[in-house]
Amino acid sequence: MNIRSVVLDVGETLIDETRLFGRWADRLGVPHLTFFGALGAMAAAGRPLIDAFRLVRPGFDLEAEIAAWREEEPGSLRENFDSEDLYPDVRPALTALREAGLQVLIAGNQPVQAGPALEAMGLPVDAIHISDVWGVAKPDPAFFARVAQEAGNAPEEILYVGDRVDNDVLPAKEAGMCAALLRRGPWGYLHSELPEAARADVIVDSLAELPGWVAARR
């Protein structure tokens, strides 16, 4: 194993989505705990995230709601994130990885506007890639083929880091990459207990663990 590139997911890997989902709870008119519980229930059941929205508001139309929200509150953060949502271990870990001579990339399932939001943070990374810009999303094998293409390294030289077994670990392994499962966020904790989590090359509780783990395998 000779890892040359570390590629990281976005939501609940780099970005703490607590404030984002809190704003959605307010938008939907339900208490934060109720909405967070619905999100957790969907994670535990292996159901899509959107089902939590439709549970508390039957017939919910995400695109229509986002458009209405944008019109009503053009100056607010709404369904987006900014630097205040960055997990505290992100900058130190990314800096340590780059100082070790590794290529560091971001590539995750996100809307187009997530790209400029991440760029504005000035993160110590080589490039930022967004699924909606690529036109392909995880767990599609084409997403991971694009990751390898952008990294410019062989799949076995790439470590993909994410909080989900289904979207991150398994498709990365199928693509021939190494995979790290981060125990963070509702999916991260739940998925770390799935039998399939054993497919991950490493399970970590913090991004701070990655530089040392990678260094031991170079």
N, C-alpha and C. Protein backbone atom coordinates (compact mmCIF):
# COMPACT_ATOMS: atom_id res chain seq x y z
N MET A 1 0.85 -1.20 0.00
CA MET A 1 0.00 0.00 0.00
C MET A 1 0.88 1.24 0.00
N ASN A 2 0.77 2.04 -1.02
CA ASN A 2 1.53 3.28 -1.11
C ASN A 2 0.58 4.40 -1.50
N ILE A 3 0.00 5.04 -0.52
CA ILE A 3 -1.02 6.06 -0.76
C ILE A 3 -0.37 7.37 -1.18
N ARG A 4 -0.83 7.90 -2.31
CA ARG A 4 -0.33 9.16 -2.81
C ARG A 4 -1.38 10.27 -2.76
N SER A 5 -2.65 9.88 -2.77
CA SER A 5 -3.75 10.85 -2.77
C SER A 5 -4.76 10.52 -1.67
N VAL A 6 -5.21 11.52 -0.97
CA VAL A 6 -6.30 11.37 0.00
C VAL A 6 -7.46 12.23 -0.50
N VAL A 7 -8.61 11.60 -0.69
CA VAL A 7 -9.78 12.28 -1.23
C VAL A 7 -10.89 12.22 -0.18
N LEU A 8 -11.47 13.36 0.13
CA LEU A 8 -12.42 13.44 1.22
C LEU A 8 -13.82 13.84 0.77
N ASP A 9 -14.80 13.18 1.37
CA ASP A 9 -16.21 13.53 1.23
C ASP A 9 -16.44 14.89 1.89
N VAL A 10 -17.64 15.42 1.79
CA VAL A 10 -17.94 16.75 2.33
C VAL A 10 -18.83 16.68 3.58
N GLY A 11 -20.11 16.34 3.39
CA GLY A 11 -21.07 16.35 4.51
C GLY A 11 -20.71 15.35 5.59
N GLU A 12 -20.60 15.81 6.81
CA GLU A 12 -20.25 15.03 8.00
C GLU A 12 -18.87 14.38 7.91
N THR A 13 -18.08 14.83 6.94
CA THR A 13 -16.65 14.49 6.90
C THR A 13 -15.87 15.78 7.14
N LEU A 14 -16.15 16.78 6.34
CA LEU A 14 -15.57 18.11 6.53
C LEU A 14 -16.55 19.06 7.22
N ILE A 15 -17.82 18.95 6.83
CA ILE A 15 -18.84 19.91 7.26
C ILE A 15 -19.78 19.31 8.30
N ASP A 16 -19.90 20.00 9.43
CA ASP A 16 -20.88 19.67 10.46
C ASP A 16 -22.24 20.21 9.98
N GLU A 17 -23.18 19.31 9.73
CA GLU A 17 -24.45 19.72 9.14
C GLU A 17 -25.53 20.06 10.17
N THR A 18 -25.13 20.22 11.44
CA THR A 18 -26.09 20.50 12.50
C THR A 18 -26.87 21.79 12.25
N ARG A 19 -26.16 22.87 11.95
CA ARG A 19 -26.85 24.14 11.72
C ARG A 19 -27.74 24.07 10.48
N LEU A 20 -27.24 23.40 9.44
CA LEU A 20 -28.01 23.29 8.20
C LEU A 20 -29.34 22.59 8.44
N PHE A 21 -29.30 21.45 9.13
CA PHE A 21 -30.54 20.72 9.37
C PHE A 21 -31.41 21.42 10.42
N GLY A 22 -30.78 22.21 11.29
CA GLY A 22 -31.57 23.01 12.22
C GLY A 22 -32.39 24.06 11.48
N ARG A 23 -31.77 24.68 10.46
CA ARG A 23 -32.52 25.65 9.66
C ARG A 23 -33.64 24.97 8.89
N TRP A 24 -33.38 23.74 8.41
CA TRP A 24 -34.44 23.02 7.72
C TRP A 24 -35.59 22.70 8.68
N ALA A 25 -35.28 22.33 9.91
CA ALA A 25 -36.33 22.06 10.89
C ALA A 25 -37.19 23.29 11.10
N ASP A 26 -36.53 24.45 11.22
CA ASP A 26 -37.28 25.71 11.37
C ASP A 26 -38.15 25.96 10.15
N ARG A 27 -37.61 25.70 8.99
CA ARG A 27 -38.34 25.92 7.74
C ARG A 27 -39.57 25.02 7.67
N LEU A 28 -39.41 23.77 8.13
CA LEU A 28 -40.51 22.81 8.08
C LEU A 28 -41.48 22.96 9.24
N GLY A 29 -41.11 23.80 10.22
CA GLY A 29 -42.01 24.07 11.34
C GLY A 29 -42.07 22.96 12.37
N VAL A 30 -40.95 22.24 12.55
CA VAL A 30 -40.91 21.18 13.57
C VAL A 30 -39.74 21.44 14.50
N PRO A 31 -39.81 20.96 15.75
CA PRO A 31 -38.68 21.13 16.67
C PRO A 31 -37.41 20.46 16.11
N HIS A 32 -36.27 21.01 16.46
CA HIS A 32 -35.01 20.45 15.98
C HIS A 32 -34.87 18.97 16.35
N LEU A 33 -35.20 18.64 17.58
CA LEU A 33 -35.05 17.25 18.03
C LEU A 33 -35.92 16.31 17.20
N THR A 34 -37.12 16.77 16.85
CA THR A 34 -38.01 15.94 16.03
C THR A 34 -37.40 15.66 14.67
N PHE A 35 -36.86 16.70 14.03
CA PHE A 35 -36.29 16.52 12.71
C PHE A 35 -35.00 15.70 12.76
N PHE A 36 -34.18 15.97 13.76
CA PHE A 36 -32.95 15.19 13.89
C PHE A 36 -33.27 13.72 14.15
N GLY A 37 -34.35 13.48 14.92
CA GLY A 37 -34.77 12.10 15.15
C GLY A 37 -35.23 11.43 13.87
N ALA A 38 -35.93 12.20 13.02
CA ALA A 38 -36.38 11.65 11.74
C ALA A 38 -35.19 11.32 10.85
N LEU A 39 -34.19 12.18 10.86
CA LEU A 39 -32.98 11.92 10.07
C LEU A 39 -32.29 10.65 10.55
N GLY A 40 -32.19 10.52 11.88
CA GLY A 40 -31.57 9.32 12.44
C GLY A 40 -32.34 8.06 12.11
N ALA A 41 -33.66 8.17 12.11
CA ALA A 41 -34.50 7.01 11.78
C ALA A 41 -34.28 6.56 10.34
N MET A 42 -34.14 7.54 9.44
CA MET A 42 -33.89 7.19 8.04
C MET A 42 -32.51 6.54 7.89
N ALA A 43 -31.54 7.07 8.62
CA ALA A 43 -30.20 6.48 8.57
C ALA A 43 -30.22 5.04 9.06
N ALA A 44 -30.93 4.80 10.16
CA ALA A 44 -30.99 3.46 10.74
C ALA A 44 -31.73 2.49 9.82
N ALA A 45 -32.71 3.00 9.09
CA ALA A 45 -33.51 2.15 8.21
C ALA A 45 -32.89 2.00 6.82
N GLY A 46 -31.79 2.70 6.57
CA GLY A 46 -31.17 2.65 5.26
C GLY A 46 -31.99 3.33 4.18
N ARG A 47 -32.81 4.30 4.58
CA ARG A 47 -33.66 5.01 3.63
C ARG A 47 -33.02 6.33 3.21
N PRO A 48 -33.42 6.89 2.07
CA PRO A 48 -32.84 8.15 1.60
C PRO A 48 -33.13 9.29 2.57
N LEU A 49 -32.22 10.24 2.60
CA LEU A 49 -32.34 11.41 3.46
C LEU A 49 -33.64 12.16 3.21
N ILE A 50 -34.05 12.26 1.96
CA ILE A 50 -35.25 13.03 1.62
C ILE A 50 -36.49 12.48 2.30
N ASP A 51 -36.47 11.20 2.69
CA ASP A 51 -37.64 10.61 3.35
C ASP A 51 -37.91 11.24 4.70
N ALA A 52 -36.89 11.79 5.35
CA ALA A 52 -37.10 12.48 6.63
C ALA A 52 -37.93 13.74 6.41
N PHE A 53 -37.66 14.44 5.31
CA PHE A 53 -38.43 15.65 4.98
C PHE A 53 -39.88 15.29 4.70
N ARG A 54 -40.07 14.20 3.95
CA ARG A 54 -41.43 13.80 3.58
C ARG A 54 -42.18 13.17 4.74
N LEU A 55 -41.45 12.70 5.73
CA LEU A 55 -42.10 12.17 6.93
C LEU A 55 -42.78 13.29 7.71
N VAL A 56 -42.08 14.42 7.85
CA VAL A 56 -42.65 15.53 8.63
C VAL A 56 -43.52 16.44 7.77
N ARG A 57 -43.32 16.40 6.45
CA ARG A 57 -44.19 17.16 5.55
C ARG A 57 -44.51 16.30 4.32
N PRO A 58 -45.59 15.55 4.37
CA PRO A 58 -45.96 14.69 3.24
C PRO A 58 -46.08 15.49 1.94
N GLY A 59 -45.58 14.93 0.86
CA GLY A 59 -45.63 15.59 -0.43
C GLY A 59 -44.54 16.63 -0.62
N PHE A 60 -43.57 16.67 0.28
CA PHE A 60 -42.50 17.67 0.22
C PHE A 60 -41.77 17.62 -1.12
N ASP A 61 -41.58 18.80 -1.73
CA ASP A 61 -40.86 18.95 -3.00
C ASP A 61 -39.61 19.76 -2.72
N LEU A 62 -38.46 19.11 -2.70
CA LEU A 62 -37.21 19.77 -2.31
C LEU A 62 -36.88 20.96 -3.21
N GLU A 63 -36.89 20.76 -4.50
CA GLU A 63 -36.49 21.84 -5.41
C GLU A 63 -37.42 23.05 -5.31
N ALA A 64 -38.72 22.78 -5.20
CA ALA A 64 -39.69 23.87 -5.09
C ALA A 64 -39.49 24.63 -3.78
N GLU A 65 -39.20 23.89 -2.70
CA GLU A 65 -39.02 24.53 -1.40
C GLU A 65 -37.75 25.38 -1.38
N ILE A 66 -36.68 24.88 -1.98
CA ILE A 66 -35.44 25.63 -2.04
C ILE A 66 -35.64 26.92 -2.85
N ALA A 67 -36.37 26.82 -3.96
CA ALA A 67 -36.63 28.00 -4.79
C ALA A 67 -37.44 29.04 -4.02
N ALA A 68 -38.46 28.58 -3.29
CA ALA A 68 -39.28 29.50 -2.51
C ALA A 68 -38.48 30.14 -1.39
N TRP A 69 -37.65 29.34 -0.75
CA TRP A 69 -36.82 29.82 0.36
C TRP A 69 -35.84 30.87 -0.14
N ARG A 70 -35.24 30.62 -1.31
CA ARG A 70 -34.29 31.56 -1.89
C ARG A 70 -34.96 32.90 -2.20
N GLU A 71 -36.20 32.84 -2.67
CA GLU A 71 -36.92 34.06 -3.00
C GLU A 71 -37.30 34.83 -1.74
N GLU A 72 -37.69 34.11 -0.69
CA GLU A 72 -38.12 34.75 0.55
C GLU A 72 -36.95 35.28 1.37
N GLU A 73 -35.81 34.58 1.35
CA GLU A 73 -34.66 34.97 2.17
C GLU A 73 -33.40 34.99 1.32
N PRO A 74 -33.31 35.89 0.35
CA PRO A 74 -32.16 35.88 -0.57
C PRO A 74 -30.81 36.08 0.12
N GLY A 75 -30.80 36.73 1.27
CA GLY A 75 -29.54 37.01 1.95
C GLY A 75 -29.15 36.02 3.02
N SER A 76 -29.98 35.02 3.28
CA SER A 76 -29.68 34.08 4.36
C SER A 76 -28.90 32.88 3.85
N LEU A 77 -28.37 32.11 4.77
CA LEU A 77 -27.58 30.93 4.40
C LEU A 77 -28.46 29.80 3.89
N ARG A 78 -29.70 29.74 4.36
CA ARG A 78 -30.69 28.76 3.92
C ARG A 78 -30.16 27.33 3.97
N GLU A 79 -30.13 26.65 2.80
CA GLU A 79 -29.74 25.22 2.76
C GLU A 79 -28.24 25.05 2.52
N ASN A 80 -27.49 26.13 2.67
CA ASN A 80 -26.06 26.09 2.38
C ASN A 80 -25.23 26.08 3.66
N PHE A 81 -23.92 26.05 3.49
CA PHE A 81 -23.02 26.06 4.65
C PHE A 81 -21.91 27.08 4.42
N ASP A 82 -21.19 27.43 5.50
CA ASP A 82 -20.03 28.31 5.38
C ASP A 82 -18.94 27.84 6.33
N SER A 83 -17.91 28.64 6.51
CA SER A 83 -16.74 28.22 7.28
C SER A 83 -17.06 27.91 8.75
N GLU A 84 -18.14 28.47 9.27
CA GLU A 84 -18.51 28.19 10.65
C GLU A 84 -18.95 26.75 10.85
N ASP A 85 -19.27 26.07 9.75
CA ASP A 85 -19.73 24.68 9.83
C ASP A 85 -18.59 23.67 9.66
N LEU A 86 -17.39 24.15 9.49
CA LEU A 86 -16.25 23.26 9.30
C LEU A 86 -15.89 22.59 10.62
N TYR A 87 -15.72 21.27 10.60
CA TYR A 87 -15.28 20.57 11.81
C TYR A 87 -13.89 21.05 12.21
N PRO A 88 -13.61 21.16 13.52
CA PRO A 88 -12.33 21.74 13.96
C PRO A 88 -11.09 20.93 13.60
N ASP A 89 -11.25 19.64 13.31
CA ASP A 89 -10.06 18.84 12.97
C ASP A 89 -9.69 18.92 11.50
N VAL A 90 -10.49 19.61 10.69
CA VAL A 90 -10.30 19.59 9.24
C VAL A 90 -9.00 20.28 8.81
N ARG A 91 -8.84 21.56 9.15
CA ARG A 91 -7.66 22.28 8.69
C ARG A 91 -6.35 21.64 9.16
N PRO A 92 -6.24 21.30 10.46
CA PRO A 92 -4.98 20.67 10.90
C PRO A 92 -4.69 19.35 10.18
N ALA A 93 -5.72 18.54 9.97
CA ALA A 93 -5.51 17.24 9.32
C ALA A 93 -5.12 17.42 7.86
N LEU A 94 -5.80 18.29 7.14
CA LEU A 94 -5.47 18.52 5.74
C LEU A 94 -4.07 19.10 5.59
N THR A 95 -3.72 20.01 6.49
CA THR A 95 -2.38 20.60 6.46
C THR A 95 -1.32 19.52 6.68
N ALA A 96 -1.54 18.65 7.66
CA ALA A 96 -0.58 17.58 7.95
C ALA A 96 -0.43 16.62 6.77
N LEU A 97 -1.53 16.31 6.10
CA LEU A 97 -1.47 15.41 4.96
C LEU A 97 -0.66 16.03 3.82
N ARG A 98 -0.88 17.31 3.56
CA ARG A 98 -0.13 17.97 2.48
C ARG A 98 1.34 18.13 2.83
N GLU A 99 1.61 18.42 4.10
CA GLU A 99 3.01 18.56 4.52
C GLU A 99 3.74 17.23 4.41
N ALA A 100 2.99 16.12 4.44
CA ALA A 100 3.58 14.80 4.28
C ALA A 100 3.81 14.46 2.81
N GLY A 101 3.49 15.38 1.93
CA GLY A 101 3.72 15.17 0.51
C GLY A 101 2.59 14.50 -0.23
N LEU A 102 1.42 14.42 0.41
CA LEU A 102 0.26 13.78 -0.21
C LEU A 102 -0.57 14.79 -1.00
N GLN A 103 -1.15 14.32 -2.08
CA GLN A 103 -2.14 15.11 -2.79
C GLN A 103 -3.45 15.02 -1.99
N VAL A 104 -4.10 16.15 -1.76
CA VAL A 104 -5.35 16.17 -0.99
C VAL A 104 -6.44 16.78 -1.85
N LEU A 105 -7.51 16.01 -2.06
CA LEU A 105 -8.64 16.44 -2.88
C LEU A 105 -9.93 16.35 -2.08
N ILE A 106 -10.90 17.17 -2.45
CA ILE A 106 -12.26 17.06 -1.93
C ILE A 106 -13.14 16.63 -3.09
N ALA A 107 -13.97 15.62 -2.87
CA ALA A 107 -14.92 15.18 -3.91
C ALA A 107 -16.11 14.54 -3.21
N GLY A 108 -17.28 15.18 -3.32
CA GLY A 108 -18.45 14.66 -2.63
C GLY A 108 -19.74 14.97 -3.37
N ASN A 109 -20.81 14.36 -2.88
CA ASN A 109 -22.15 14.61 -3.42
C ASN A 109 -22.66 15.93 -2.86
N GLN A 110 -22.65 16.96 -3.68
CA GLN A 110 -23.06 18.28 -3.24
C GLN A 110 -23.64 19.05 -4.41
N PRO A 111 -24.49 20.05 -4.12
CA PRO A 111 -25.00 20.93 -5.18
C PRO A 111 -23.90 21.85 -5.69
N VAL A 112 -24.14 22.47 -6.82
CA VAL A 112 -23.13 23.30 -7.47
C VAL A 112 -22.58 24.38 -6.53
N GLN A 113 -23.45 25.00 -5.74
CA GLN A 113 -23.02 26.13 -4.91
C GLN A 113 -22.06 25.72 -3.80
N ALA A 114 -21.95 24.42 -3.52
CA ALA A 114 -21.02 23.97 -2.49
C ALA A 114 -19.57 24.21 -2.90
N GLY A 115 -19.31 24.18 -4.22
CA GLY A 115 -17.95 24.41 -4.69
C GLY A 115 -17.41 25.77 -4.27
N PRO A 116 -18.09 26.88 -4.64
CA PRO A 116 -17.63 28.20 -4.21
C PRO A 116 -17.58 28.35 -2.69
N ALA A 117 -18.53 27.71 -1.98
CA ALA A 117 -18.53 27.80 -0.51
C ALA A 117 -17.26 27.19 0.06
N LEU A 118 -16.86 26.04 -0.47
CA LEU A 118 -15.64 25.39 0.00
C LEU A 118 -14.41 26.17 -0.44
N GLU A 119 -14.42 26.68 -1.66
CA GLU A 119 -13.29 27.46 -2.15
C GLU A 119 -13.04 28.68 -1.26
N ALA A 120 -14.13 29.30 -0.80
CA ALA A 120 -14.02 30.51 0.02
C ALA A 120 -13.36 30.24 1.37
N MET A 121 -13.32 29.00 1.78
CA MET A 121 -12.72 28.65 3.08
C MET A 121 -11.20 28.62 3.04
N GLY A 122 -10.62 28.62 1.85
CA GLY A 122 -9.16 28.60 1.74
C GLY A 122 -8.54 27.36 2.35
N LEU A 123 -9.15 26.22 2.12
CA LEU A 123 -8.65 24.97 2.70
C LEU A 123 -7.35 24.53 2.02
N PRO A 124 -6.46 23.88 2.77
CA PRO A 124 -5.20 23.43 2.19
C PRO A 124 -5.39 22.14 1.38
N VAL A 125 -6.01 22.28 0.21
CA VAL A 125 -6.27 21.14 -0.67
C VAL A 125 -5.80 21.49 -2.08
N ASP A 126 -5.62 20.46 -2.89
CA ASP A 126 -5.16 20.66 -4.26
C ASP A 126 -6.30 20.95 -5.22
N ALA A 127 -7.48 20.44 -4.92
CA ALA A 127 -8.63 20.69 -5.79
C ALA A 127 -9.92 20.32 -5.07
N ILE A 128 -11.01 20.93 -5.52
CA ILE A 128 -12.34 20.66 -4.96
C ILE A 128 -13.25 20.25 -6.11
N HIS A 129 -13.92 19.11 -5.95
CA HIS A 129 -14.80 18.59 -6.99
C HIS A 129 -16.18 18.30 -6.41
N ILE A 130 -17.21 18.63 -7.19
CA ILE A 130 -18.58 18.54 -6.73
C ILE A 130 -19.40 17.68 -7.70
N SER A 131 -20.21 16.78 -7.16
CA SER A 131 -20.96 15.84 -7.98
C SER A 131 -21.86 16.53 -9.00
N ASP A 132 -22.56 17.59 -8.60
CA ASP A 132 -23.48 18.24 -9.52
C ASP A 132 -22.76 18.96 -10.65
N VAL A 133 -21.49 19.27 -10.46
CA VAL A 133 -20.68 19.84 -11.54
C VAL A 133 -20.25 18.73 -12.49
N TRP A 134 -19.87 17.59 -11.92
CA TRP A 134 -19.48 16.44 -12.73
C TRP A 134 -20.65 15.81 -13.46
N GLY A 135 -21.85 15.92 -12.88
CA GLY A 135 -23.02 15.26 -13.46
C GLY A 135 -23.10 13.79 -13.11
N VAL A 136 -22.40 13.38 -12.06
CA VAL A 136 -22.44 12.00 -11.59
C VAL A 136 -22.20 12.01 -10.09
N ALA A 137 -22.92 11.14 -9.37
CA ALA A 137 -22.86 11.15 -7.92
C ALA A 137 -22.57 9.76 -7.37
N LYS A 138 -22.05 9.73 -6.16
CA LYS A 138 -21.86 8.46 -5.45
C LYS A 138 -23.22 7.82 -5.18
N PRO A 139 -23.27 6.50 -5.21
CA PRO A 139 -22.18 5.52 -5.33
C PRO A 139 -21.89 5.05 -6.75
N ASP A 140 -22.31 5.79 -7.75
CA ASP A 140 -22.07 5.41 -9.14
C ASP A 140 -20.57 5.15 -9.36
N PRO A 141 -20.21 4.02 -9.96
CA PRO A 141 -18.79 3.75 -10.23
C PRO A 141 -18.13 4.84 -11.07
N ALA A 142 -18.93 5.53 -11.90
CA ALA A 142 -18.37 6.60 -12.72
C ALA A 142 -17.84 7.75 -11.87
N PHE A 143 -18.43 7.95 -10.69
CA PHE A 143 -17.93 8.99 -9.78
C PHE A 143 -16.51 8.66 -9.35
N PHE A 144 -16.29 7.41 -8.97
CA PHE A 144 -14.97 7.01 -8.47
C PHE A 144 -13.96 6.90 -9.60
N ALA A 145 -14.42 6.60 -10.80
CA ALA A 145 -13.54 6.63 -11.96
C ALA A 145 -13.07 8.07 -12.21
N ARG A 146 -13.98 9.01 -12.02
CA ARG A 146 -13.62 10.43 -12.18
C ARG A 146 -12.65 10.87 -11.09
N VAL A 147 -12.85 10.37 -9.87
CA VAL A 147 -11.92 10.67 -8.78
C VAL A 147 -10.51 10.24 -9.16
N ALA A 148 -10.38 9.02 -9.64
CA ALA A 148 -9.07 8.50 -10.04
C ALA A 148 -8.47 9.33 -11.17
N GLN A 149 -9.32 9.73 -12.11
CA GLN A 149 -8.86 10.55 -13.23
C GLN A 149 -8.31 11.88 -12.74
N GLU A 150 -9.05 12.53 -11.84
CA GLU A 150 -8.63 13.84 -11.33
C GLU A 150 -7.38 13.72 -10.47
N ALA A 151 -7.28 12.61 -9.72
CA ALA A 151 -6.10 12.42 -8.87
C ALA A 151 -4.86 12.14 -9.71
N GLY A 152 -5.05 11.46 -10.83
CA GLY A 152 -3.92 11.14 -11.68
C GLY A 152 -3.04 10.05 -11.13
N ASN A 153 -3.57 9.29 -10.18
CA ASN A 153 -2.84 8.17 -9.60
C ASN A 153 -3.64 6.89 -9.78
N ALA A 154 -2.97 5.76 -9.62
CA ALA A 154 -3.65 4.48 -9.71
C ALA A 154 -4.65 4.36 -8.57
N PRO A 155 -5.78 3.67 -8.77
CA PRO A 155 -6.79 3.55 -7.71
C PRO A 155 -6.22 3.06 -6.38
N GLU A 156 -5.29 2.10 -6.43
CA GLU A 156 -4.74 1.56 -5.18
C GLU A 156 -3.86 2.55 -4.44
N GLU A 157 -3.54 3.68 -5.09
CA GLU A 157 -2.75 4.73 -4.44
C GLU A 157 -3.64 5.85 -3.88
N ILE A 158 -4.96 5.64 -3.92
CA ILE A 158 -5.91 6.65 -3.47
C ILE A 158 -6.66 6.16 -2.23
N LEU A 159 -6.72 7.01 -1.22
CA LEU A 159 -7.53 6.73 -0.03
C LEU A 159 -8.75 7.63 -0.07
N TYR A 160 -9.96 7.02 -0.14
CA TYR A 160 -11.18 7.81 -0.09
C TYR A 160 -11.72 7.79 1.33
N VAL A 161 -12.08 8.97 1.85
CA VAL A 161 -12.52 9.12 3.24
C VAL A 161 -13.96 9.62 3.28
N GLY A 162 -14.83 8.90 3.97
CA GLY A 162 -16.22 9.32 4.09
C GLY A 162 -16.89 8.71 5.30
N ASP A 163 -18.14 9.10 5.52
CA ASP A 163 -18.86 8.68 6.72
C ASP A 163 -19.88 7.58 6.45
N ARG A 164 -19.92 7.06 5.22
CA ARG A 164 -20.93 6.05 4.91
C ARG A 164 -20.31 4.82 4.27
N VAL A 165 -20.87 3.66 4.61
CA VAL A 165 -20.44 2.41 3.99
C VAL A 165 -20.97 2.33 2.57
N ASP A 166 -22.26 2.64 2.38
CA ASP A 166 -22.89 2.45 1.07
C ASP A 166 -22.40 3.43 0.02
N ASN A 167 -22.21 4.68 0.39
CA ASN A 167 -21.82 5.71 -0.58
C ASN A 167 -20.31 5.88 -0.71
N ASP A 168 -19.57 5.48 0.30
CA ASP A 168 -18.15 5.77 0.34
C ASP A 168 -17.27 4.51 0.34
N VAL A 169 -17.37 3.72 1.39
CA VAL A 169 -16.46 2.60 1.55
C VAL A 169 -16.61 1.55 0.45
N LEU A 170 -17.82 1.03 0.27
CA LEU A 170 -18.00 -0.07 -0.68
C LEU A 170 -17.71 0.33 -2.12
N PRO A 171 -18.24 1.45 -2.62
CA PRO A 171 -17.92 1.80 -4.00
C PRO A 171 -16.45 2.17 -4.20
N ALA A 172 -15.82 2.76 -3.19
CA ALA A 172 -14.39 3.06 -3.31
C ALA A 172 -13.59 1.76 -3.41
N LYS A 173 -13.93 0.78 -2.58
CA LYS A 173 -13.23 -0.51 -2.63
C LYS A 173 -13.47 -1.21 -3.96
N GLU A 174 -14.70 -1.14 -4.47
CA GLU A 174 -15.01 -1.75 -5.76
C GLU A 174 -14.20 -1.10 -6.88
N ALA A 175 -13.87 0.17 -6.69
CA ALA A 175 -13.07 0.90 -7.68
C ALA A 175 -11.58 0.62 -7.52
N GLY A 176 -11.21 -0.19 -6.54
CA GLY A 176 -9.81 -0.54 -6.33
C GLY A 176 -9.06 0.39 -5.40
N MET A 177 -9.80 1.31 -4.74
CA MET A 177 -9.17 2.28 -3.84
C MET A 177 -9.12 1.75 -2.41
N CYS A 178 -8.32 2.43 -1.59
CA CYS A 178 -8.39 2.22 -0.15
C CYS A 178 -9.53 3.08 0.38
N ALA A 179 -10.07 2.72 1.53
CA ALA A 179 -11.21 3.47 2.07
C ALA A 179 -11.10 3.62 3.57
N ALA A 180 -11.41 4.82 4.05
CA ALA A 180 -11.46 5.10 5.48
C ALA A 180 -12.89 5.48 5.84
N LEU A 181 -13.42 4.85 6.87
CA LEU A 181 -14.76 5.16 7.36
C LEU A 181 -14.63 6.05 8.58
N LEU A 182 -15.23 7.23 8.53
CA LEU A 182 -15.18 8.20 9.63
C LEU A 182 -16.42 8.06 10.48
N ARG A 183 -16.23 7.77 11.77
CA ARG A 183 -17.35 7.65 12.70
C ARG A 183 -17.77 9.06 13.14
N ARG A 184 -18.59 9.68 12.28
CA ARG A 184 -19.03 11.05 12.53
C ARG A 184 -20.39 11.22 11.87
N GLY A 185 -21.29 11.92 12.55
CA GLY A 185 -22.63 12.10 12.01
C GLY A 185 -23.44 10.82 12.18
N PRO A 186 -24.77 10.90 11.94
CA PRO A 186 -25.63 9.74 12.17
C PRO A 186 -25.25 8.52 11.34
N TRP A 187 -24.89 8.73 10.08
CA TRP A 187 -24.52 7.58 9.24
C TRP A 187 -23.18 7.00 9.69
N GLY A 188 -22.24 7.86 10.04
CA GLY A 188 -20.92 7.37 10.42
C GLY A 188 -20.96 6.43 11.61
N TYR A 189 -21.70 6.80 12.63
CA TYR A 189 -21.78 5.93 13.82
C TYR A 189 -22.54 4.65 13.51
N LEU A 190 -23.66 4.78 12.83
CA LEU A 190 -24.46 3.60 12.52
C LEU A 190 -23.72 2.64 11.58
N HIS A 191 -23.11 3.19 10.55
CA HIS A 191 -22.46 2.36 9.54
C HIS A 191 -21.21 1.67 10.07
N SER A 192 -20.59 2.26 11.11
CA SER A 192 -19.39 1.63 11.66
C SER A 192 -19.71 0.28 12.31
N GLU A 193 -21.01 0.04 12.62
CA GLU A 193 -21.41 -1.22 13.24
C GLU A 193 -21.94 -2.24 12.22
N LEU A 194 -22.04 -1.85 10.96
CA LEU A 194 -22.50 -2.79 9.94
C LEU A 194 -21.40 -3.80 9.61
N PRO A 195 -21.77 -5.03 9.27
CA PRO A 195 -20.76 -6.02 8.89
C PRO A 195 -19.89 -5.53 7.73
N GLU A 196 -20.49 -4.76 6.82
CA GLU A 196 -19.76 -4.28 5.65
C GLU A 196 -18.66 -3.27 6.01
N ALA A 197 -18.74 -2.71 7.22
CA ALA A 197 -17.71 -1.76 7.64
C ALA A 197 -16.33 -2.41 7.68
N ALA A 198 -16.30 -3.73 7.80
CA ALA A 198 -15.03 -4.45 7.82
C ALA A 198 -14.28 -4.31 6.49
N ARG A 199 -14.98 -3.89 5.43
CA ARG A 199 -14.32 -3.70 4.14
C ARG A 199 -13.41 -2.46 4.16
N ALA A 200 -13.67 -1.54 5.09
CA ALA A 200 -12.83 -0.34 5.18
C ALA A 200 -11.42 -0.74 5.59
N ASP A 201 -10.44 -0.03 5.06
CA ASP A 201 -9.05 -0.27 5.45
C ASP A 201 -8.78 0.25 6.86
N VAL A 202 -9.55 1.26 7.26
CA VAL A 202 -9.41 1.81 8.60
C VAL A 202 -10.72 2.50 8.98
N ILE A 203 -11.06 2.46 10.26
CA ILE A 203 -12.20 3.19 10.81
C ILE A 203 -11.63 4.18 11.81
N VAL A 204 -11.93 5.46 11.64
CA VAL A 204 -11.36 6.50 12.50
C VAL A 204 -12.47 7.32 13.16
N ASP A 205 -12.13 7.91 14.29
CA ASP A 205 -13.06 8.78 15.00
C ASP A 205 -12.80 10.25 14.71
N SER A 206 -11.68 10.54 14.06
CA SER A 206 -11.32 11.92 13.76
C SER A 206 -10.40 11.93 12.55
N LEU A 207 -10.45 13.01 11.78
CA LEU A 207 -9.53 13.16 10.66
C LEU A 207 -8.09 13.28 11.15
N ALA A 208 -7.92 13.65 12.41
CA ALA A 208 -6.58 13.79 12.97
C ALA A 208 -5.82 12.46 12.98
N GLU A 209 -6.54 11.35 12.88
CA GLU A 209 -5.89 10.04 12.88
C GLU A 209 -5.30 9.68 11.52
N LEU A 210 -5.74 10.35 10.46
CA LEU A 210 -5.35 9.95 9.12
C LEU A 210 -3.87 10.15 8.79
N PRO A 211 -3.26 11.31 9.12
CA PRO A 211 -1.86 11.48 8.72
C PRO A 211 -0.94 10.39 9.26
N GLY A 212 -1.11 10.02 10.53
CA GLY A 212 -0.28 8.98 11.10
C GLY A 212 -0.53 7.63 10.49
N TRP A 213 -1.82 7.33 10.22
CA TRP A 213 -2.17 6.03 9.62
C TRP A 213 -1.57 5.92 8.23
N VAL A 214 -1.68 6.98 7.44
CA VAL A 214 -1.14 6.95 6.08
C VAL A 214 0.38 6.85 6.12
N ALA A 215 1.03 7.62 7.01
CA ALA A 215 2.48 7.62 7.09
C ALA A 215 3.02 6.22 7.40
N ALA A 216 2.29 5.47 8.19
CA ALA A 216 2.74 4.13 8.58
C ALA A 216 2.66 3.15 7.43
N ARG A 217 2.02 3.54 6.35
CA ARG A 217 1.80 2.63 5.23
C ARG A 217 2.42 3.13 3.92
N ARG A 218 3.33 4.07 4.03
CA ARG A 218 3.99 4.59 2.82
C ARG A 218 5.39 4.03 2.70
